[in-house]
Amino acid sequence: MIFISLLVVLMLVQWWGSGAPLQHDRWFLNWLDWLQSRRFVRAISGAHLLLGILLPCAVLALLVAFVADFLSPNWLFFVYVPVLLYSLGRGDFSAEVNAYISASERGDNVMATRLSDNMRGGAELAAEEQQLESWTELHEQTLRIISYRGFERMFAVLFWFFILGAVGALMYRLSVIYRERASVETDQKLGIKWLWLLEWPVVRLMGLTWAMVGNFESCYRCWQNRLLDIKRSSMAFLDSSLRGALGVDDQIGADAEFSDPATKQHEPAASQNEPGYSLSLIKAAVPLFSRSLLLWVCFIALVTLLV
């Protein structure tokens, strides 16, 4: 039932562009606000995170158990599909990346910066005050954001859906929303740590996947060197793995100031220090996500047939 539900969800996402018709988070935000107003929740460290995420997941687990025991496991399809659609990332990832590429190609650094910030959302908040002074720096930051957003909107959800069913998918999405919407700094820090734990095994699987669909040698080397790293953030690990899959080093130069790309059209092919090269990495990264998704779907289908 997991595989059939997954196929239906992917078809619906292709049709709608995202899971937006079912992605309404106000109920969860109201629930978090209500918990925050309770004195006993504020008095116990971690209670807001624990109750905020686990209680909705517990209710869903009871619903799944009820449907499986008193109706039929086949009826779980009508639970899995809406929950999985809700749990996918927000927004149309491909449209956002294409809009950024278009803004970059016409030299609109204001719009490109705004689109990059929108894609980042609440991820890696410490980087929000960073001043970007060149197209190369902006492209590098955006590639870093894309490596994480493409991962969290689809692959992390599918991993936990495959491991724990609908409960796992919902748990991950609520954890992401909690990290980005927590109103108290202490709760936000706990949310970041909790989400990092959920993502730790998945980012390593994602890195291995990129090695298989991209440049295996350089990606695998990056993946192997950082496999047991417990200090690196999910975004940093994914960024280095994605760069490896694209066949480049972790870091590239950043000395090309903002300028009109049209003035460079007659110059030689861009080197690693030029914005054209950095933008080409973003363009090359998009197909990696599609090939990775196809690989994951084939793997889940194989496991389903064998089990």
Protein backbone atom coordinates (compact mmCIF):
# COMPACT_ATOMS: atom_id res chain seq x y z
CA MET A 1 0.00 0.00 0.00
CA ILE A 2 2.95 2.32 0.62
CA PHE A 3 4.16 1.98 -2.96
CA ILE A 4 0.72 2.46 -4.53
CA SER A 5 0.12 5.51 -2.33
CA LEU A 6 3.49 6.90 -3.37
CA LEU A 7 2.73 6.52 -7.07
CA VAL A 8 -0.64 8.25 -6.71
CA VAL A 9 0.93 11.11 -4.76
CA LEU A 10 3.65 11.62 -7.36
CA MET A 11 1.03 11.74 -10.13
CA LEU A 12 -1.00 14.29 -8.19
CA VAL A 13 2.11 16.41 -7.60
CA GLN A 14 2.86 16.31 -11.33
CA TRP A 15 -0.68 17.51 -11.98
CA TRP A 16 -0.85 20.22 -9.32
CA GLY A 17 2.85 21.15 -9.27
CA SER A 18 2.90 20.58 -5.49
CA GLY A 19 0.74 19.25 -2.69
CA ALA A 20 -0.62 22.76 -2.04
CA PRO A 21 -4.36 21.88 -2.12
CA LEU A 22 -3.92 19.92 1.13
CA GLN A 23 -1.10 21.89 2.72
CA HIS A 24 -2.82 24.08 5.28
CA ASP A 25 -0.72 24.58 8.42
CA ARG A 26 -2.92 26.92 10.43
CA TRP A 27 -4.25 24.06 12.59
CA PHE A 28 -0.70 23.15 13.64
CA LEU A 29 0.33 26.75 14.29
CA ASN A 30 -2.78 27.29 16.41
CA TRP A 31 -1.94 24.12 18.31
CA LEU A 32 1.60 25.40 18.98
CA ASP A 33 0.25 28.77 20.12
CA TRP A 34 -2.19 27.08 22.49
CA LEU A 35 0.57 24.96 23.99
CA GLN A 36 2.77 28.03 24.40
CA SER A 37 0.03 29.67 26.46
CA ARG A 38 0.00 26.77 28.96
CA ARG A 39 2.11 27.46 32.03
CA PHE A 40 3.10 23.82 32.61
CA VAL A 41 4.41 23.58 29.03
CA ARG A 42 6.58 26.67 29.46
CA ALA A 43 7.88 25.32 32.77
CA ILE A 44 9.25 22.06 31.32
CA SER A 45 12.12 22.22 28.87
CA GLY A 46 11.29 20.43 25.65
CA ALA A 47 7.61 19.95 26.51
CA HIS A 48 6.48 22.34 23.77
CA LEU A 49 8.44 20.42 21.13
CA LEU A 50 7.44 17.00 22.45
CA LEU A 51 3.74 17.70 22.80
CA GLY A 52 3.55 19.88 19.71
CA ILE A 53 4.85 17.22 17.33
CA LEU A 54 4.22 13.87 18.97
CA LEU A 55 0.58 14.33 19.99
CA PRO A 56 -0.67 14.91 16.41
CA CYS A 57 1.46 11.94 15.32
CA ALA A 58 -0.03 9.81 18.10
CA VAL A 59 -3.56 10.70 16.93
CA LEU A 60 -2.63 9.69 13.39
CA ALA A 61 -1.10 6.44 14.66
CA LEU A 62 -4.37 5.59 16.44
CA LEU A 63 -6.29 6.33 13.23
CA VAL A 64 -3.98 4.07 11.20
CA ALA A 65 -4.33 1.28 13.78
CA PHE A 66 -8.11 1.63 13.79
CA VAL A 67 -8.38 1.49 10.00
CA ALA A 68 -6.02 -1.49 9.74
CA ASP A 69 -7.71 -3.48 12.53
CA PHE A 70 -11.41 -2.71 12.10
CA LEU A 71 -11.66 -2.08 8.37
CA SER A 72 -8.91 -3.40 6.10
CA PRO A 73 -5.25 -2.57 5.40
CA ASN A 74 -6.36 -1.60 1.89
CA TRP A 75 -8.31 1.31 3.37
CA LEU A 76 -5.02 2.78 4.57
CA PHE A 77 -4.65 4.13 1.05
CA PHE A 78 -7.20 6.83 1.94
CA VAL A 79 -5.07 7.81 4.94
CA TYR A 80 -1.65 7.55 3.35
CA VAL A 81 -2.35 9.67 0.25
CA PRO A 82 -3.65 12.85 1.95
CA VAL A 83 -1.08 12.63 4.76
CA LEU A 84 1.80 12.16 2.31
CA LEU A 85 0.57 15.05 0.15
CA TYR A 86 0.37 17.25 3.23
CA SER A 87 3.85 16.19 4.34
CA LEU A 88 5.63 17.15 1.12
CA GLY A 89 7.52 20.43 0.96
CA ARG A 90 5.74 23.69 0.38
CA GLY A 91 5.79 25.47 -2.96
CA ASP A 92 6.69 24.43 -6.49
CA PHE A 93 10.42 23.67 -6.24
CA SER A 94 11.08 23.50 -10.00
CA ALA A 95 9.22 26.76 -10.66
CA GLU A 96 11.16 28.54 -7.91
CA VAL A 97 14.53 27.36 -9.24
CA ASN A 98 13.60 28.26 -12.82
CA ALA A 99 12.49 31.73 -11.69
CA TYR A 100 15.86 32.22 -9.99
CA ILE A 101 17.72 31.11 -13.12
CA SER A 102 15.67 33.50 -15.27
CA ALA A 103 16.33 36.43 -12.92
CA SER A 104 20.05 35.65 -12.93
CA GLU A 105 20.25 35.42 -16.70
CA ARG A 106 18.68 38.85 -17.15
CA GLY A 107 20.95 40.34 -14.46
CA ASP A 108 18.21 41.14 -11.92
CA ASN A 109 20.19 40.65 -8.73
CA VAL A 110 17.43 42.14 -6.53
CA MET A 111 14.87 39.60 -7.70
CA ALA A 112 17.42 36.76 -7.65
CA THR A 113 18.37 37.59 -4.05
CA ARG A 114 14.71 37.74 -3.04
CA LEU A 115 13.98 34.37 -4.66
CA SER A 116 17.01 32.83 -2.97
CA ASP A 117 15.88 34.14 0.43
CA ASN A 118 12.35 32.84 -0.17
CA MET A 119 13.67 29.38 -0.96
CA ARG A 120 15.79 29.38 2.17
CA GLY A 121 12.88 30.25 4.44
CA GLY A 122 13.81 29.38 8.02
CA ALA A 123 16.63 27.00 7.14
CA GLU A 124 20.08 27.82 8.51
CA LEU A 125 19.02 31.06 10.13
CA ALA A 126 22.57 32.08 11.06
CA ALA A 127 23.27 32.85 7.40
CA GLU A 128 20.44 35.34 7.01
CA GLU A 129 22.57 38.39 7.78
CA GLN A 130 25.33 37.46 5.37
CA GLN A 131 26.10 40.21 2.86
CA LEU A 132 26.46 38.97 -0.71
CA GLU A 133 28.59 41.13 -2.96
CA SER A 134 28.88 39.09 -6.16
CA TRP A 135 26.87 36.86 -8.44
CA THR A 136 29.18 33.96 -7.63
CA GLU A 137 28.52 34.29 -3.90
CA LEU A 138 24.78 34.48 -4.54
CA HIS A 139 24.85 31.42 -6.82
CA GLU A 140 26.90 29.48 -4.28
CA GLN A 141 24.44 30.32 -1.52
CA THR A 142 21.49 29.42 -3.73
CA LEU A 143 23.02 26.09 -4.72
CA ARG A 144 23.47 25.36 -1.01
CA ILE A 145 19.82 26.22 -0.37
CA ILE A 146 18.64 24.17 -3.35
CA SER A 147 20.58 21.13 -2.13
CA TYR A 148 18.61 21.25 1.13
CA ARG A 149 15.20 22.37 -0.12
CA GLY A 150 15.08 19.73 -2.82
CA PHE A 151 15.95 17.19 -0.15
CA GLU A 152 13.53 18.23 2.59
CA ARG A 153 10.50 18.76 0.38
CA MET A 154 10.53 15.23 -1.04
CA PHE A 155 13.31 12.81 -0.10
CA ALA A 156 13.31 13.14 3.69
CA VAL A 157 9.53 12.75 3.66
CA LEU A 158 9.72 9.61 1.50
CA PHE A 159 12.38 8.10 3.74
CA TRP A 160 10.31 8.41 6.89
CA PHE A 161 7.16 7.42 5.02
CA PHE A 162 8.91 4.22 3.94
CA ILE A 163 10.23 3.56 7.48
CA LEU A 164 7.24 4.56 9.65
CA GLY A 165 4.40 5.02 7.18
CA ALA A 166 2.14 8.06 7.34
CA VAL A 167 3.18 8.78 10.92
CA GLY A 168 6.83 9.13 9.91
CA ALA A 169 6.03 11.47 7.02
CA LEU A 170 3.83 13.67 9.21
CA MET A 171 6.42 13.70 12.01
CA TYR A 172 9.09 15.00 9.66
CA ARG A 173 6.93 17.73 8.11
CA LEU A 174 5.71 18.97 11.49
CA SER A 175 9.33 19.04 12.67
CA VAL A 176 10.29 21.26 9.71
CA ILE A 177 7.37 23.60 10.36
CA TYR A 178 8.23 23.71 14.06
CA ARG A 179 11.86 24.61 13.31
CA GLU A 180 10.79 27.46 11.06
CA ARG A 181 7.85 28.78 13.08
CA ALA A 182 8.83 28.33 16.74
CA SER A 183 8.30 31.67 18.48
CA VAL A 184 10.66 31.12 21.43
CA GLU A 185 14.42 30.96 20.84
CA THR A 186 14.88 28.01 23.21
CA ASP A 187 12.16 26.03 21.43
CA GLN A 188 13.68 26.92 18.08
CA LYS A 189 17.11 25.62 19.12
CA LEU A 190 15.54 22.37 20.33
CA GLY A 191 13.63 22.14 17.05
CA ILE A 192 16.85 22.53 15.07
CA LYS A 193 18.56 19.77 17.05
CA TRP A 194 15.56 17.45 16.77
CA LEU A 195 15.28 17.98 13.02
CA TRP A 196 19.03 17.43 12.60
CA LEU A 197 18.63 14.02 14.29
CA LEU A 198 15.77 13.09 11.95
CA GLU A 199 17.77 14.15 8.92
CA TRP A 200 21.14 12.66 9.91
CA PRO A 201 20.61 9.22 8.32
CA VAL A 202 18.65 10.59 5.37
CA VAL A 203 21.25 13.13 4.21
CA ARG A 204 23.82 10.35 4.11
CA LEU A 205 21.51 8.21 2.00
CA MET A 206 20.89 11.24 -0.21
CA GLY A 207 24.62 11.75 -0.67
CA LEU A 208 25.05 8.12 -1.70
CA THR A 209 22.12 8.49 -4.11
CA TRP A 210 23.73 11.51 -5.76
CA ALA A 211 26.94 9.54 -6.13
CA MET A 212 25.02 6.90 -8.07
CA VAL A 213 23.23 9.35 -10.38
CA GLY A 214 26.04 11.91 -10.71
CA ASN A 215 29.84 11.97 -10.65
CA PHE A 216 30.44 8.91 -8.51
CA GLU A 217 34.13 9.37 -7.72
CA SER A 218 34.08 12.95 -6.44
CA CYS A 219 30.70 12.61 -4.70
CA TYR A 220 31.62 9.36 -2.99
CA ARG A 221 34.87 10.89 -1.77
CA CYS A 222 32.97 13.81 -0.21
CA TRP A 223 30.40 11.42 1.22
CA GLN A 224 33.02 9.08 2.70
CA ASN A 225 35.02 11.91 4.30
CA ARG A 226 31.94 13.28 6.09
CA LEU A 227 30.00 10.09 6.73
CA LEU A 228 30.33 10.12 10.53
CA ASP A 229 30.53 13.89 10.95
CA ILE A 230 28.23 14.92 13.80
CA LYS A 231 29.04 18.64 13.70
CA ARG A 232 28.13 19.49 10.13
CA SER A 233 24.60 20.73 9.45
CA SER A 234 22.29 18.89 7.06
CA MET A 235 22.56 21.73 4.56
CA ALA A 236 26.37 21.73 4.67
CA PHE A 237 26.55 17.96 4.16
CA LEU A 238 24.11 18.07 1.26
CA ASP A 239 25.88 21.01 -0.33
CA SER A 240 29.25 19.26 -0.37
CA SER A 241 27.67 16.02 -1.65
CA LEU A 242 25.80 17.83 -4.42
CA ARG A 243 28.94 19.64 -5.50
CA GLY A 244 30.73 16.32 -5.57
CA ALA A 245 27.98 14.82 -7.72
CA LEU A 246 28.46 17.75 -10.11
CA GLY A 247 32.19 17.00 -10.24
CA VAL A 248 33.46 20.16 -8.51
CA ASP A 249 35.23 21.01 -5.27
CA ASP A 250 33.28 22.07 -2.17
CA GLN A 251 34.15 25.72 -2.59
CA ILE A 252 34.68 27.92 -5.62
CA GLY A 253 35.82 31.51 -6.03
CA ALA A 254 33.69 34.54 -5.28
CA ASP A 255 35.29 37.56 -6.93
CA ALA A 256 32.86 38.44 -9.72
CA GLU A 257 30.82 41.49 -8.74
CA PHE A 258 27.17 41.94 -9.71
CA SER A 259 26.99 42.93 -13.36
CA ASP A 260 24.86 42.44 -16.43
CA PRO A 261 25.42 38.88 -17.77
CA ALA A 262 24.81 40.23 -21.30
CA THR A 263 28.15 42.05 -21.14
CA LYS A 264 29.92 38.71 -20.78
CA GLN A 265 28.33 36.90 -23.68
CA HIS A 266 31.42 37.29 -25.89
CA GLU A 267 33.91 36.28 -23.20
CA PRO A 268 35.50 32.80 -22.99
CA ALA A 269 33.68 29.98 -21.25
CA ALA A 270 33.24 30.65 -17.52
CA SER A 271 35.81 29.34 -15.13
CA GLN A 272 35.15 28.21 -11.58
CA ASN A 273 35.65 31.82 -10.40
CA GLU A 274 32.94 33.29 -12.63
CA PRO A 275 29.17 33.63 -12.09
CA GLY A 276 28.33 31.84 -15.34
CA TYR A 277 30.01 28.72 -14.04
CA SER A 278 28.19 28.93 -10.70
CA LEU A 279 24.84 29.36 -12.43
CA SER A 280 25.58 26.37 -14.66
CA LEU A 281 25.97 24.28 -11.50
CA ILE A 282 22.45 25.23 -10.44
CA LYS A 283 21.11 24.28 -13.86
CA ALA A 284 22.96 20.96 -13.75
CA ALA A 285 21.75 20.21 -10.21
CA VAL A 286 18.04 20.18 -11.08
CA PRO A 287 18.13 16.93 -13.16
CA LEU A 288 19.97 15.19 -10.30
CA PHE A 289 16.86 15.44 -8.15
CA SER A 290 14.68 13.88 -10.87
CA ARG A 291 17.11 11.00 -11.40
CA SER A 292 17.42 10.50 -7.64
CA LEU A 293 13.64 10.34 -7.25
CA LEU A 294 13.43 7.76 -10.03
CA LEU A 295 16.10 5.67 -8.28
CA TRP A 296 14.25 5.84 -4.97
CA VAL A 297 10.93 4.87 -6.55
CA CYS A 298 12.57 1.88 -8.26
CA PHE A 299 14.16 0.82 -4.97
CA ILE A 300 10.87 1.06 -3.07
CA ALA A 301 9.15 -0.92 -5.83
CA LEU A 302 11.83 -3.62 -5.60
CA VAL A 303 11.54 -3.86 -1.82
CA THR A 304 7.75 -3.99 -2.11
CA LEU A 305 7.94 -6.90 -4.55
CA LEU A 306 10.46 -8.82 -2.43
CA VAL A 307 8.63 -8.25 0.85
